[in-house]
């Protein structure tokens, strides 16, 4: 069995298409691919990071001038993960 993905689109996090509540791993990366360079990509990435921080994730660092964020879960979920990850 393949491990779940670690890379997710910020827009999928914001739309609710990707839910990481029971994600089994500790580290993920969130980015805004396909978003025009500049302020809009940064806003989308920051908004996704803020949403995930409200769910127990913490920002480790930003990359690519703010268009990429690396997060770490403060605690792992106890329940087994659902079959829904839909990352790249």
PDB file of N, CA and C in Angstrom:
ATOM      1  N   UNK A   1       0.838  -1.184   0.000  1.00  0.00           N
ATOM      2  CA  UNK A   1       0.000   0.000   0.000  1.00  0.00           C
ATOM      3  C   UNK A   1       0.885   1.250   0.000  1.00  0.00           C
ATOM      4  N   UNK A   2       0.536   2.183  -0.837  1.00  0.00           N
ATOM      5  CA  UNK A   2       1.277   3.440  -0.943  1.00  0.00           C
ATOM      6  C   UNK A   2       0.953   4.359   0.232  1.00  0.00           C
ATOM      7  N   UNK A   3       1.964   5.095   0.742  1.00  0.00           N
ATOM      8  CA  UNK A   3       1.665   6.057   1.804  1.00  0.00           C
ATOM      9  C   UNK A   3       0.830   7.216   1.250  1.00  0.00           C
ATOM     10  N   UNK A   4       0.113   7.912   2.109  1.00  0.00           N
ATOM     11  CA  UNK A   4      -0.675   9.054   1.633  1.00  0.00           C
ATOM     12  C   UNK A   4       0.233  10.168   1.123  1.00  0.00           C
ATOM     13  N   UNK A   5      -0.291  11.032   0.268  1.00  0.00           N
ATOM     14  CA  UNK A   5       0.526  12.135  -0.251  1.00  0.00           C
ATOM     15  C   UNK A   5       0.881  13.123   0.854  1.00  0.00           C
ATOM     16  N   UNK A   6       1.949  13.878   0.614  1.00  0.00           N
ATOM     17  CA  UNK A   6       2.362  14.915   1.568  1.00  0.00           C
ATOM     18  C   UNK A   6       2.208  16.314   0.984  1.00  0.00           C
ATOM     19  N   UNK A   7       1.874  16.412  -0.283  1.00  0.00           N
ATOM     20  CA  UNK A   7       1.742  17.697  -0.973  1.00  0.00           C
ATOM     21  C   UNK A   7       0.279  17.916  -1.317  1.00  0.00           C
ATOM     22  N   UNK A   8      -0.255  19.079  -0.979  1.00  0.00           N
ATOM     23  CA  UNK A   8      -1.649  19.392  -1.261  1.00  0.00           C
ATOM     24  C   UNK A   8      -1.759  20.810  -1.810  1.00  0.00           C
ATOM     25  N   UNK A   9      -2.788  21.043  -2.614  1.00  0.00           N
ATOM     26  CA  UNK A   9      -3.048  22.380  -3.146  1.00  0.00           C
ATOM     27  C   UNK A   9      -3.784  23.201  -2.091  1.00  0.00           C
ATOM     28  N   UNK A  10      -3.361  24.435  -1.940  1.00  0.00           N
ATOM     29  CA  UNK A  10      -3.992  25.335  -0.976  1.00  0.00           C
ATOM     30  C   UNK A  10      -5.474  25.523  -1.295  1.00  0.00           C
ATOM     31  N   UNK A  11      -5.813  25.606  -2.569  1.00  0.00           N
ATOM     32  CA  UNK A  11      -7.215  25.798  -2.952  1.00  0.00           C
ATOM     33  C   UNK A  11      -8.075  24.601  -2.553  1.00  0.00           C
ATOM     34  N   UNK A  12      -7.507  23.382  -2.591  1.00  0.00           N
ATOM     35  CA  UNK A  12      -8.255  22.189  -2.171  1.00  0.00           C
ATOM     36  C   UNK A  12      -8.485  22.185  -0.664  1.00  0.00           C
ATOM     37  N   UNK A  13      -7.533  22.706   0.089  1.00  0.00           N
ATOM     38  CA  UNK A  13      -7.692  22.825   1.543  1.00  0.00           C
ATOM     39  C   UNK A  13      -8.811  23.821   1.850  1.00  0.00           C
ATOM     40  N   UNK A  14      -8.782  24.963   1.176  1.00  0.00           N
ATOM     41  CA  UNK A  14      -9.765  26.022   1.434  1.00  0.00           C
ATOM     42  C   UNK A  14     -11.175  25.631   1.004  1.00  0.00           C
ATOM     43  N   UNK A  15     -11.291  24.867  -0.075  1.00  0.00           N
ATOM     44  CA  UNK A  15     -12.612  24.469  -0.569  1.00  0.00           C
ATOM     45  C   UNK A  15     -13.211  23.314   0.235  1.00  0.00           C
ATOM     46  N   UNK A  16     -12.387  22.653   1.047  1.00  0.00           N
ATOM     47  CA  UNK A  16     -12.865  21.500   1.809  1.00  0.00           C
ATOM     48  C   UNK A  16     -12.743  20.196   1.051  1.00  0.00           C
ATOM     49  N   UNK A  17     -12.235  20.269  -0.182  1.00  0.00           N
ATOM     50  CA  UNK A  17     -12.048  19.054  -0.981  1.00  0.00           C
ATOM     51  C   UNK A  17     -11.043  18.118  -0.314  1.00  0.00           C
ATOM     52  N   UNK A  18     -10.056  18.682   0.374  1.00  0.00           N
ATOM     53  CA  UNK A  18      -9.076  17.900   1.125  1.00  0.00           C
ATOM     54  C   UNK A  18      -9.284  18.174   2.603  1.00  0.00           C
ATOM     55  N   UNK A  19      -9.477  17.129   3.367  1.00  0.00           N
ATOM     56  CA  UNK A  19      -9.636  17.209   4.818  1.00  0.00           C
ATOM     57  C   UNK A  19      -8.457  16.494   5.459  1.00  0.00           C
ATOM     58  N   UNK A  20      -7.744  17.155   6.334  1.00  0.00           N
ATOM     59  CA  UNK A  20      -6.576  16.549   6.973  1.00  0.00           C
ATOM     60  C   UNK A  20      -6.801  16.285   8.458  1.00  0.00           C
ATOM     61  N   UNK A  21      -8.053  16.228   8.882  1.00  0.00           N
ATOM     62  CA  UNK A  21      -8.348  16.006  10.297  1.00  0.00           C
ATOM     63  C   UNK A  21      -7.754  14.700  10.810  1.00  0.00           C
ATOM     64  N   UNK A  22      -7.847  13.629  10.039  1.00  0.00           N
ATOM     65  CA  UNK A  22      -7.310  12.343  10.491  1.00  0.00           C
ATOM     66  C   UNK A  22      -6.125  11.895   9.657  1.00  0.00           C
ATOM     67  N   UNK A  23      -5.426  12.819   9.084  1.00  0.00           N
ATOM     68  CA  UNK A  23      -4.236  12.499   8.280  1.00  0.00           C
ATOM     69  C   UNK A  23      -3.218  11.803   9.184  1.00  0.00           C
ATOM     70  N   UNK A  24      -2.664  10.662   8.750  1.00  0.00           N
ATOM     71  CA  UNK A  24      -1.842   9.852   9.654  1.00  0.00           C
ATOM     72  C   UNK A  24      -0.381  10.290   9.806  1.00  0.00           C
ATOM     73  N   UNK A  25       0.114  11.140   8.926  1.00  0.00           N
ATOM     74  CA  UNK A  25       1.520  11.534   8.987  1.00  0.00           C
ATOM     75  C   UNK A  25       1.680  12.888   9.684  1.00  0.00           C
ATOM     76  N   UNK A  26       2.916  13.253   9.985  1.00  0.00           N
ATOM     77  CA  UNK A  26       3.183  14.456  10.773  1.00  0.00           C
ATOM     78  C   UNK A  26       3.428  15.701   9.936  1.00  0.00           C
ATOM     79  N   UNK A  27       4.052  15.566   8.755  1.00  0.00           N
ATOM     80  CA  UNK A  27       4.448  16.732   7.958  1.00  0.00           C
ATOM     81  C   UNK A  27       3.723  16.762   6.616  1.00  0.00           C
ATOM     82  N   UNK A  28       3.326  17.971   6.184  1.00  0.00           N
ATOM     83  CA  UNK A  28       2.734  18.169   4.866  1.00  0.00           C
ATOM     84  C   UNK A  28       3.264  19.464   4.266  1.00  0.00           C
ATOM     85  N   UNK A  29       3.105  19.582   2.958  1.00  0.00           N
ATOM     86  CA  UNK A  29       3.436  20.814   2.235  1.00  0.00           C
ATOM     87  C   UNK A  29       2.174  21.266   1.503  1.00  0.00           C
ATOM     88  N   UNK A  30       1.919  22.563   1.551  1.00  0.00           N
ATOM     89  CA  UNK A  30       0.756  23.160   0.895  1.00  0.00           C
ATOM     90  C   UNK A  30       1.260  24.244  -0.048  1.00  0.00           C
ATOM     91  N   UNK A  31       0.766  24.243  -1.273  1.00  0.00           N
ATOM     92  CA  UNK A  31       1.188  25.252  -2.236  1.00  0.00           C
ATOM     93  C   UNK A  31       0.036  25.721  -3.095  1.00  0.00           C
ATOM     94  N   UNK A  32       0.336  26.692  -3.929  1.00  0.00           N
ATOM     95  CA  UNK A  32      -0.672  27.271  -4.811  1.00  0.00           C
ATOM     96  C   UNK A  32      -0.233  27.150  -6.270  1.00  0.00           C
ATOM     97  N   UNK A  33      -0.072  25.903  -6.782  1.00  0.00           N
ATOM     98  CA  UNK A  33       0.321  25.752  -8.185  1.00  0.00           C
ATOM     99  C   UNK A  33      -0.805  26.211  -9.110  1.00  0.00           C
ATOM    100  N   UNK A  34      -0.449  26.743 -10.221  1.00  0.00           N
ATOM    101  CA  UNK A  34      -1.441  27.201 -11.176  1.00  0.00           C
ATOM    102  C   UNK A  34      -2.014  28.567 -10.865  1.00  0.00           C
ATOM    103  N   UNK A  35      -1.665  29.113  -9.718  1.00  0.00           N
ATOM    104  CA  UNK A  35      -2.116  30.463  -9.364  1.00  0.00           C
ATOM    105  C   UNK A  35      -1.083  31.435  -9.904  1.00  0.00           C
ATOM    106  N   UNK A  36      -1.516  32.494 -10.560  1.00  0.00           N
ATOM    107  CA  UNK A  36      -0.536  33.453 -11.066  1.00  0.00           C
ATOM    108  C   UNK A  36       0.408  33.919  -9.960  1.00  0.00           C
ATOM    109  N   UNK A  37       1.641  34.098 -10.336  1.00  0.00           N
ATOM    110  CA  UNK A  37       2.653  34.545  -9.369  1.00  0.00           C
ATOM    111  C   UNK A  37       2.219  35.852  -8.737  1.00  0.00           C
ATOM    112  N   UNK A  38       2.639  36.057  -7.523  1.00  0.00           N
ATOM    113  CA  UNK A  38       2.360  37.331  -6.882  1.00  0.00           C
ATOM    114  C   UNK A  38       1.510  37.194  -5.654  1.00  0.00           C
ATOM    115  N   UNK A  39       0.876  38.290  -5.331  1.00  0.00           N
ATOM    116  CA  UNK A  39       0.152  38.413  -4.081  1.00  0.00           C
ATOM    117  C   UNK A  39      -0.988  37.413  -3.948  1.00  0.00           C
ATOM    118  N   UNK A  40      -1.699  37.110  -5.015  1.00  0.00           N
ATOM    119  CA  UNK A  40      -2.840  36.183  -4.940  1.00  0.00           C
ATOM    120  C   UNK A  40      -2.389  34.799  -4.476  1.00  0.00           C
ATOM    121  N   UNK A  41      -1.285  34.284  -5.000  1.00  0.00           N
ATOM    122  CA  UNK A  41      -0.769  32.969  -4.605  1.00  0.00           C
ATOM    123  C   UNK A  41      -0.382  32.973  -3.127  1.00  0.00           C
ATOM    124  N   UNK A  42       0.214  34.044  -2.683  1.00  0.00           N
ATOM    125  CA  UNK A  42       0.613  34.152  -1.280  1.00  0.00           C
ATOM    126  C   UNK A  42      -0.619  34.200  -0.374  1.00  0.00           C
ATOM    127  N   UNK A  43      -1.639  34.956  -0.774  1.00  0.00           N
ATOM    128  CA  UNK A  43      -2.869  35.049   0.019  1.00  0.00           C
ATOM    129  C   UNK A  43      -3.534  33.685   0.164  1.00  0.00           C
ATOM    130  N   UNK A  44      -3.586  32.912  -0.915  1.00  0.00           N
ATOM    131  CA  UNK A  44      -4.212  31.593  -0.882  1.00  0.00           C
ATOM    132  C   UNK A  44      -3.420  30.651   0.022  1.00  0.00           C
ATOM    133  N   UNK A  45      -2.106  30.674  -0.100  1.00  0.00           N
ATOM    134  CA  UNK A  45      -1.264  29.809   0.723  1.00  0.00           C
ATOM    135  C   UNK A  45      -1.374  30.180   2.194  1.00  0.00           C
ATOM    136  N   UNK A  46      -1.331  31.458   2.507  1.00  0.00           N
ATOM    137  CA  UNK A  46      -1.450  31.900   3.902  1.00  0.00           C
ATOM    138  C   UNK A  46      -2.818  31.522   4.477  1.00  0.00           C
ATOM    139  N   UNK A  47      -3.879  31.688   3.693  1.00  0.00           N
ATOM    140  CA  UNK A  47      -5.226  31.360   4.170  1.00  0.00           C
ATOM    141  C   UNK A  47      -5.331  29.864   4.480  1.00  0.00           C
ATOM    142  N   UNK A  48      -4.770  29.025   3.626  1.00  0.00           N
ATOM    143  CA  UNK A  48      -4.786  27.580   3.880  1.00  0.00           C
ATOM    144  C   UNK A  48      -3.984  27.239   5.130  1.00  0.00           C
ATOM    145  N   UNK A  49      -2.839  27.901   5.319  1.00  0.00           N
ATOM    146  CA  UNK A  49      -2.019  27.666   6.517  1.00  0.00           C
ATOM    147  C   UNK A  49      -2.785  28.082   7.775  1.00  0.00           C
ATOM    148  N   UNK A  50      -3.481  29.204   7.725  1.00  0.00           N
ATOM    149  CA  UNK A  50      -4.246  29.666   8.879  1.00  0.00           C
ATOM    150  C   UNK A  50      -5.387  28.705   9.207  1.00  0.00           C
ATOM    151  N   UNK A  51      -6.048  28.188   8.169  1.00  0.00           N
ATOM    152  CA  UNK A  51      -7.116  27.224   8.390  1.00  0.00           C
ATOM    153  C   UNK A  51      -6.566  25.962   9.057  1.00  0.00           C
ATOM    154  N   UNK A  52      -5.444  25.453   8.546  1.00  0.00           N
ATOM    155  CA  UNK A  52      -4.858  24.245   9.121  1.00  0.00           C
ATOM    156  C   UNK A  52      -4.335  24.488  10.530  1.00  0.00           C
ATOM    157  N   UNK A  53      -3.853  25.691  10.812  1.00  0.00           N
ATOM    158  CA  UNK A  53      -3.417  25.978  12.184  1.00  0.00           C
ATOM    159  C   UNK A  53      -4.594  25.904  13.154  1.00  0.00           C
ATOM    160  N   UNK A  54      -5.778  26.239  12.718  1.00  0.00           N
ATOM    161  CA  UNK A  54      -6.955  26.128  13.585  1.00  0.00           C
ATOM    162  C   UNK A  54      -7.352  24.670  13.807  1.00  0.00           C
ATOM    163  N   UNK A  55      -6.748  23.752  13.027  1.00  0.00           N
ATOM    164  CA  UNK A  55      -7.048  22.321  13.136  1.00  0.00           C
ATOM    165  C   UNK A  55      -5.897  21.538  13.763  1.00  0.00           C
ATOM    166  N   UNK A  56      -4.965  22.232  14.414  1.00  0.00           N
ATOM    167  CA  UNK A  56      -3.900  21.532  15.118  1.00  0.00           C
ATOM    168  C   UNK A  56      -2.584  21.412  14.378  1.00  0.00           C
ATOM    169  N   UNK A  57      -2.483  21.992  13.197  1.00  0.00           N
ATOM    170  CA  UNK A  57      -1.217  21.995  12.445  1.00  0.00           C
ATOM    171  C   UNK A  57      -0.459  23.268  12.793  1.00  0.00           C
ATOM    172  N   UNK A  58       0.859  23.248  12.685  1.00  0.00           N
ATOM    173  CA  UNK A  58       1.688  24.424  12.935  1.00  0.00           C
ATOM    174  C   UNK A  58       2.640  24.642  11.775  1.00  0.00           C
ATOM    175  N   UNK A  59       2.792  25.893  11.370  1.00  0.00           N
ATOM    176  CA  UNK A  59       3.701  26.239  10.280  1.00  0.00           C
ATOM    177  C   UNK A  59       5.136  26.008  10.747  1.00  0.00           C
ATOM    178  N   UNK A  60       5.889  25.289   9.924  1.00  0.00           N
ATOM    179  CA  UNK A  60       7.311  25.076  10.181  1.00  0.00           C
ATOM    180  C   UNK A  60       8.112  26.134   9.438  1.00  0.00           C
ATOM    181  N   UNK A  61       7.778  26.326   8.160  1.00  0.00           N
ATOM    182  CA  UNK A  61       8.459  27.361   7.367  1.00  0.00           C
ATOM    183  C   UNK A  61       7.696  27.620   6.074  1.00  0.00           C
ATOM    184  N   UNK A  62       8.073  28.712   5.434  1.00  0.00           N
ATOM    185  CA  UNK A  62       7.532  29.067   4.125  1.00  0.00           C
ATOM    186  C   UNK A  62       8.645  28.964   3.103  1.00  0.00           C
ATOM    187  N   UNK A  63       8.290  28.681   1.871  1.00  0.00           N
ATOM    188  CA  UNK A  63       9.248  28.626   0.787  1.00  0.00           C
ATOM    189  C   UNK A  63       8.691  29.306  -0.441  1.00  0.00           C
ATOM    190  N   UNK A  64       9.520  29.412  -1.453  1.00  0.00           N
ATOM    191  CA  UNK A  64       9.120  29.986  -2.738  1.00  0.00           C
ATOM    192  C   UNK A  64       8.421  31.332  -2.553  1.00  0.00           C
ATOM    193  N   UNK A  65       9.033  32.178  -1.741  1.00  0.00           N
ATOM    194  CA  UNK A  65       8.538  33.537  -1.489  1.00  0.00           C
ATOM    195  C   UNK A  65       7.097  33.556  -0.979  1.00  0.00           C
ATOM    196  N   UNK A  66       6.735  32.571  -0.153  1.00  0.00           N
ATOM    197  CA  UNK A  66       5.410  32.539   0.456  1.00  0.00           C
ATOM    198  C   UNK A  66       4.381  31.716  -0.282  1.00  0.00           C
ATOM    199  N   UNK A  67       4.737  31.165  -1.434  1.00  0.00           N
ATOM    200  CA  UNK A  67       3.779  30.372  -2.208  1.00  0.00           C
ATOM    201  C   UNK A  67       3.761  28.904  -1.789  1.00  0.00           C
ATOM    202  N   UNK A  68       4.599  28.537  -0.854  1.00  0.00           N
ATOM    203  CA  UNK A  68       4.685  27.168  -0.365  1.00  0.00           C
ATOM    204  C   UNK A  68       4.835  27.222   1.146  1.00  0.00           C
ATOM    205  N   UNK A  69       4.093  26.382   1.849  1.00  0.00           N
ATOM    206  CA  UNK A  69       4.181  26.352   3.314  1.00  0.00           C
ATOM    207  C   UNK A  69       4.342  24.899   3.764  1.00  0.00           C
ATOM    208  N   UNK A  70       5.199  24.707   4.740  1.00  0.00           N
ATOM    209  CA  UNK A  70       5.427  23.400   5.333  1.00  0.00           C
ATOM    210  C   UNK A  70       4.825  23.416   6.728  1.00  0.00           C
ATOM    211  N   UNK A  71       4.019  22.402   7.029  1.00  0.00           N
ATOM    212  CA  UNK A  71       3.344  22.341   8.320  1.00  0.00           C
ATOM    213  C   UNK A  71       3.622  21.026   9.033  1.00  0.00           C
ATOM    214  N   UNK A  72       3.477  21.065  10.350  1.00  0.00           N
ATOM    215  CA  UNK A  72       3.681  19.902  11.207  1.00  0.00           C
ATOM    216  C   UNK A  72       2.479  19.783  12.120  1.00  0.00           C
ATOM    217  N   UNK A  73       1.981  18.567  12.244  1.00  0.00           N
ATOM    218  CA  UNK A  73       0.867  18.327  13.162  1.00  0.00           C
ATOM    219  C   UNK A  73       1.417  18.254  14.584  1.00  0.00           C
ATOM    220  N   UNK A  74       0.744  18.913  15.511  1.00  0.00           N
ATOM    221  CA  UNK A  74       1.199  18.897  16.894  1.00  0.00           C
ATOM    222  C   UNK A  74       0.911  17.575  17.570  1.00  0.00           C
ATOM    223  N   UNK A  75      -0.105  16.879  17.119  1.00  0.00           N
ATOM    224  CA  UNK A  75      -0.414  15.548  17.662  1.00  0.00           C
ATOM    225  C   UNK A  75      -0.986  14.704  16.533  1.00  0.00           C
ATOM    226  N   UNK A  76      -0.789  13.425  16.632  1.00  0.00           N
ATOM    227  CA  UNK A  76      -1.338  12.522  15.619  1.00  0.00           C
ATOM    228  C   UNK A  76      -2.738  12.081  16.028  1.00  0.00           C
ATOM    229  N   UNK A  77      -3.591  11.867  15.058  1.00  0.00           N
ATOM    230  CA  UNK A  77      -4.943  11.408  15.373  1.00  0.00           C
ATOM    231  C   UNK A  77      -4.918   9.972  15.888  1.00  0.00           C
ATOM    232  N   UNK A  78      -5.868   9.635  16.711  1.00  0.00           N
ATOM    233  CA  UNK A  78      -5.956   8.285  17.247  1.00  0.00           C
ATOM    234  C   UNK A  78      -6.717   7.380  16.291  1.00  0.00           C
ATOM    235  N   UNK A  79      -7.732   7.901  15.666  1.00  0.00           N
ATOM    236  CA  UNK A  79      -8.561   7.102  14.761  1.00  0.00           C
ATOM    237  C   UNK A  79      -7.816   6.784  13.478  1.00  0.00           C
ATOM    238  N   UNK A  80      -8.104   5.657  12.833  1.00  0.00           N
ATOM    239  CA  UNK A  80      -7.473   5.360  11.546  1.00  0.00           C
ATOM    240  C   UNK A  80      -7.907   6.375  10.493  1.00  0.00           C
ATOM    241  N   UNK A  81      -7.042   6.665   9.521  1.00  0.00           N
ATOM    242  CA  UNK A  81      -7.374   7.683   8.516  1.00  0.00           C
ATOM    243  C   UNK A  81      -8.468   7.208   7.562  1.00  0.00           C
ATOM    244  N   UNK A  82      -9.294   8.141   7.086  1.00  0.00           N
ATOM    245  CA  UNK A  82     -10.273   7.773   6.063  1.00  0.00           C
ATOM    246  C   UNK A  82      -9.559   7.579   4.734  1.00  0.00           C
ATOM    247  N   UNK A  83     -10.261   7.059   3.787  1.00  0.00           N
ATOM    248  CA  UNK A  83      -9.664   6.796   2.471  1.00  0.00           C
ATOM    249  C   UNK A  83      -9.721   8.034   1.592  1.00  0.00           C
ATOM    250  N   UNK A  84      -9.702   9.220   2.147  1.00  0.00           N
ATOM    251  CA  UNK A  84      -9.831  10.459   1.384  1.00  0.00           C
ATOM    252  C   UNK A  84      -8.617  11.349   1.631  1.00  0.00           C
ATOM    253  N   UNK A  85      -7.774  11.515   0.632  1.00  0.00           N
ATOM    254  CA  UNK A  85      -6.631  12.432   0.727  1.00  0.00           C
ATOM    255  C   UNK A  85      -6.557  13.333  -0.494  1.00  0.00           C
ATOM    256  N   UNK A  86      -6.813  12.801  -1.651  1.00  0.00           N
ATOM    257  CA  UNK A  86      -6.929  13.556  -2.906  1.00  0.00           C
ATOM    258  C   UNK A  86      -5.812  14.542  -3.174  1.00  0.00           C
ATOM    259  N   UNK A  87      -4.609  14.304  -2.706  1.00  0.00           N
ATOM    260  CA  UNK A  87      -3.474  15.196  -3.002  1.00  0.00           C
ATOM    261  C   UNK A  87      -2.919  14.906  -4.374  1.00  0.00           C
ATOM    262  N   UNK A  88      -1.882  15.619  -4.709  1.00  0.00           N
ATOM    263  CA  UNK A  88      -1.262  15.431  -6.025  1.00  0.00           C
ATOM    264  C   UNK A  88      -0.462  14.169  -6.064  1.00  0.00           C
TER     265      UNK A  88
END
